[in-house]
Amino acid sequence: MAKIYEFLADGFEEIEALAPVDILRRGNQEVVTLSVTGALWVKSSHGITIKADMLFEEADLSDADMLLLPGGMPGSVNLNAHEGVRQALIAQDDRGRRIGAICAAPMVLGGLGLLQGRRATCSPGFETYLTGAEYTHELFTIDGNIITGEGPAASLPYAYEILRMWTDDDTVRTLQHKMQYLHLTGEE
């Protein structure tokens, strides 16, 4: 079982934050949501308030198998402004451990130089922030230890691909079937 932390800042995109948490937990992975606001309650980009599992300051990220950044505005800007998040991402990459960012959030990775010489995707219009990366315009792109996702519509395939990193294809496909994802994609 992987230990995965997801950072939540005010202005996060709901589906990009919660679809991966939902799918990964259904796939028996340990996912902990961390508020970077100083309070457990975090307000989304569309005015939905959710309660994070814990505060960023309470977490020991040294055991993180993966760190996740949902997109959304101004959520991505707020994540980028949080020095603790920035330092955690650098340390995670230095250890060669996995990082995921979707929609506008890959801008954080680009600003830290973590996408230099890599392939990456993001919400169209944010590719200028992927400093040093080759922009793919794919639903999701994996390059080394980093997976990036394009935006809200990519949330499900992005989340299933993250789950695939921690489990076998049969488990992922079974979950996709149970959640009617294969019906959506026409693979059923």
Protein backbone atom coordinates (compact mmCIF):
# COMPACT_ATOMS: atom_id res chain seq x y z
CA MET A 1 0.00 0.00 0.00
CA ALA A 2 1.29 3.40 -1.01
CA LYS A 3 1.25 6.40 1.31
CA ILE A 4 0.00 9.37 -0.70
CA TYR A 5 -0.45 12.95 0.47
CA GLU A 6 -2.57 15.49 -1.37
CA PHE A 7 -2.15 19.20 -0.71
CA LEU A 8 -5.31 21.33 -0.52
CA ALA A 9 -5.24 25.11 -0.80
CA ASP A 10 -8.16 27.50 -0.98
CA GLY A 11 -9.34 27.61 -4.58
CA PHE A 12 -8.65 23.94 -5.45
CA GLU A 13 -10.61 22.31 -8.29
CA GLU A 14 -13.06 19.83 -6.73
CA ILE A 15 -12.97 16.98 -9.23
CA GLU A 16 -9.18 17.16 -9.62
CA ALA A 17 -8.75 16.88 -5.86
CA LEU A 18 -11.45 14.39 -4.95
CA ALA A 19 -11.50 11.97 -7.91
CA PRO A 20 -7.92 10.79 -7.21
CA VAL A 21 -8.63 10.50 -3.47
CA ASP A 22 -11.79 8.49 -4.17
CA ILE A 23 -10.20 6.16 -6.73
CA LEU A 24 -7.00 5.62 -4.76
CA ARG A 25 -8.88 4.85 -1.54
CA ARG A 26 -11.18 2.44 -3.41
CA GLY A 27 -7.95 0.86 -4.68
CA ASN A 28 -6.79 0.34 -1.07
CA GLN A 29 -4.12 3.03 -1.07
CA GLU A 30 -3.56 5.30 1.92
CA VAL A 31 -4.38 8.88 0.95
CA VAL A 32 -4.11 11.76 3.39
CA THR A 33 -5.39 15.21 2.45
CA LEU A 34 -3.36 18.07 3.90
CA SER A 35 -4.66 21.60 4.28
CA VAL A 36 -2.05 24.26 3.60
CA THR A 37 -4.36 27.03 4.87
CA GLY A 38 -3.63 26.73 8.61
CA ALA A 39 -7.18 25.39 9.16
CA LEU A 40 -8.70 21.99 8.43
CA TRP A 41 -11.53 23.49 6.37
CA VAL A 42 -10.56 24.36 2.79
CA LYS A 43 -12.76 26.19 0.29
CA SER A 44 -12.78 25.04 -3.33
CA SER A 45 -12.75 27.18 -6.46
CA HIS A 46 -16.54 26.80 -6.71
CA GLY A 47 -17.35 27.56 -3.08
CA ILE A 48 -17.54 24.03 -1.68
CA THR A 49 -15.86 23.69 1.70
CA ILE A 50 -14.34 20.37 2.69
CA LYS A 51 -12.45 19.19 5.73
CA ALA A 52 -8.90 17.98 5.15
CA ASP A 53 -7.57 15.00 7.08
CA MET A 54 -4.84 17.06 8.72
CA LEU A 55 -2.84 20.26 8.58
CA PHE A 56 0.29 20.46 6.46
CA GLU A 57 2.30 21.39 9.57
CA GLU A 58 1.27 18.13 11.30
CA ALA A 59 2.47 15.83 8.52
CA ASP A 60 5.80 14.03 8.30
CA LEU A 61 6.24 13.76 4.54
CA SER A 62 9.43 11.70 4.75
CA ASP A 63 7.37 8.52 4.30
CA ALA A 64 5.45 9.83 1.27
CA ASP A 65 5.40 7.51 -1.71
CA MET A 66 3.61 10.22 -3.68
CA LEU A 67 2.62 13.88 -3.36
CA LEU A 68 -0.40 15.19 -5.28
CA LEU A 69 -1.34 18.72 -6.30
CA PRO A 70 -4.85 19.36 -7.59
CA GLY A 71 -5.34 22.27 -9.94
CA GLY A 72 -7.85 25.07 -9.81
CA MET A 73 -7.49 28.78 -9.45
CA PRO A 74 -6.45 30.37 -7.26
CA GLY A 75 -5.62 27.00 -5.64
CA SER A 76 -2.56 26.38 -7.81
CA VAL A 77 -1.25 29.88 -7.12
CA ASN A 78 -1.83 29.31 -3.39
CA LEU A 79 0.07 26.00 -3.51
CA ASN A 80 2.90 27.72 -5.35
CA ALA A 81 3.06 30.44 -2.67
CA HIS A 82 3.39 27.89 0.16
CA GLU A 83 7.10 27.46 0.89
CA GLY A 84 6.53 24.21 2.79
CA VAL A 85 4.82 22.65 -0.23
CA ARG A 86 7.62 23.85 -2.51
CA GLN A 87 10.32 22.38 -0.25
CA ALA A 88 8.39 19.10 0.11
CA LEU A 89 8.19 18.76 -3.68
CA ILE A 90 11.91 19.39 -4.11
CA ALA A 91 12.74 16.80 -1.41
CA GLN A 92 10.32 14.30 -2.94
CA ASP A 93 11.93 14.68 -6.36
CA ASP A 94 15.44 14.47 -4.86
CA ARG A 95 14.44 11.10 -3.35
CA GLY A 96 13.13 9.98 -6.75
CA ARG A 97 9.64 9.48 -5.34
CA ARG A 98 6.46 10.16 -7.27
CA ILE A 99 4.73 13.51 -7.73
CA GLY A 100 1.41 14.22 -9.45
CA ALA A 101 -0.01 17.57 -10.57
CA ILE A 102 -3.05 18.32 -12.70
CA CYS A 103 -4.55 21.28 -14.58
CA ALA A 104 -2.84 24.52 -13.48
CA ALA A 105 -0.82 22.83 -10.70
CA PRO A 106 2.06 21.66 -12.95
CA MET A 107 3.01 25.35 -12.92
CA VAL A 108 4.34 24.75 -9.40
CA LEU A 109 6.62 21.98 -10.67
CA GLY A 110 7.72 24.10 -13.63
CA GLY A 111 8.60 27.00 -11.38
CA LEU A 112 10.74 24.72 -9.22
CA GLY A 113 12.63 23.38 -12.25
CA LEU A 114 11.27 19.86 -11.68
CA LEU A 115 10.01 19.57 -15.26
CA GLN A 116 13.31 20.53 -16.90
CA GLY A 117 13.94 18.14 -19.83
CA ARG A 118 10.70 16.21 -19.19
CA ARG A 119 7.43 15.76 -21.02
CA ALA A 120 4.39 17.23 -19.23
CA THR A 121 0.81 18.35 -19.74
CA CYS A 122 -1.46 20.88 -18.08
CA SER A 123 -4.56 22.93 -18.71
CA PRO A 124 -4.21 24.68 -22.08
CA GLY A 125 -2.96 28.18 -21.46
CA PHE A 126 -0.68 27.18 -18.59
CA GLU A 127 1.97 25.50 -20.76
CA THR A 128 4.09 28.66 -20.61
CA TYR A 129 4.66 27.85 -16.91
CA LEU A 130 6.12 24.39 -17.65
CA THR A 131 9.65 25.77 -17.67
CA GLY A 132 12.00 23.47 -19.57
CA ALA A 133 9.34 20.86 -20.36
CA GLU A 134 7.99 19.52 -23.64
CA TYR A 135 4.24 20.23 -23.53
CA THR A 136 2.28 17.15 -24.68
CA HIS A 137 -1.38 18.29 -24.57
CA GLU A 138 -2.28 14.71 -23.48
CA LEU A 139 -4.91 13.81 -20.87
CA PHE A 140 -2.02 12.70 -18.66
CA THR A 141 1.71 12.36 -19.17
CA ILE A 142 4.18 10.29 -17.17
CA ASP A 143 7.87 11.12 -17.33
CA GLY A 144 10.05 9.46 -14.73
CA ASN A 145 8.63 9.98 -11.26
CA ILE A 146 6.22 12.76 -12.33
CA ILE A 147 2.70 12.44 -13.71
CA THR A 148 0.84 15.50 -14.93
CA GLY A 149 -2.80 15.79 -15.94
CA GLU A 150 -4.56 18.14 -18.32
CA GLY A 151 -7.63 19.26 -16.39
CA PRO A 152 -11.06 18.35 -15.02
CA ALA A 153 -11.97 15.86 -17.78
CA ALA A 154 -8.64 14.10 -17.24
CA SER A 155 -9.30 13.54 -13.53
CA LEU A 156 -10.52 9.95 -13.89
CA PRO A 157 -7.90 8.61 -16.34
CA TYR A 158 -5.21 10.48 -14.39
CA ALA A 159 -6.37 8.93 -11.10
CA TYR A 160 -6.59 5.41 -12.56
CA GLU A 161 -3.08 5.77 -13.95
CA ILE A 162 -1.82 6.79 -10.52
CA LEU A 163 -3.53 3.76 -9.00
CA ARG A 164 -1.86 1.58 -11.65
CA MET A 165 1.51 2.72 -10.23
CA TRP A 166 0.68 0.97 -6.95
CA THR A 167 -1.31 -2.07 -8.01
CA ASP A 168 -1.81 -4.50 -10.89
CA ASP A 169 -3.77 -3.96 -14.10
CA ASP A 170 -6.50 -6.43 -13.11
CA THR A 171 -7.26 -4.47 -9.93
CA VAL A 172 -7.43 -1.20 -11.86
CA ARG A 173 -9.65 -2.70 -14.56
CA THR A 174 -11.99 -4.24 -11.97
CA LEU A 175 -12.38 -0.87 -10.28
CA GLN A 176 -12.90 0.85 -13.64
CA HIS A 177 -15.66 -1.65 -14.37
CA LYS A 178 -17.31 -1.20 -10.95
CA MET A 179 -17.28 2.58 -11.39
CA GLN A 180 -18.71 2.33 -14.97
CA TYR A 181 -15.60 3.99 -16.35
CA LEU A 182 -15.18 1.28 -18.99
CA HIS A 183 -18.72 1.94 -20.16
CA LEU A 184 -17.85 5.63 -20.49
CA THR A 185 -14.75 4.87 -22.56
CA GLY A 186 -16.46 2.21 -24.69
CA GLU A 187 -14.03 -0.49 -23.53
CA GLU A 188 -16.77 -2.60 -21.96
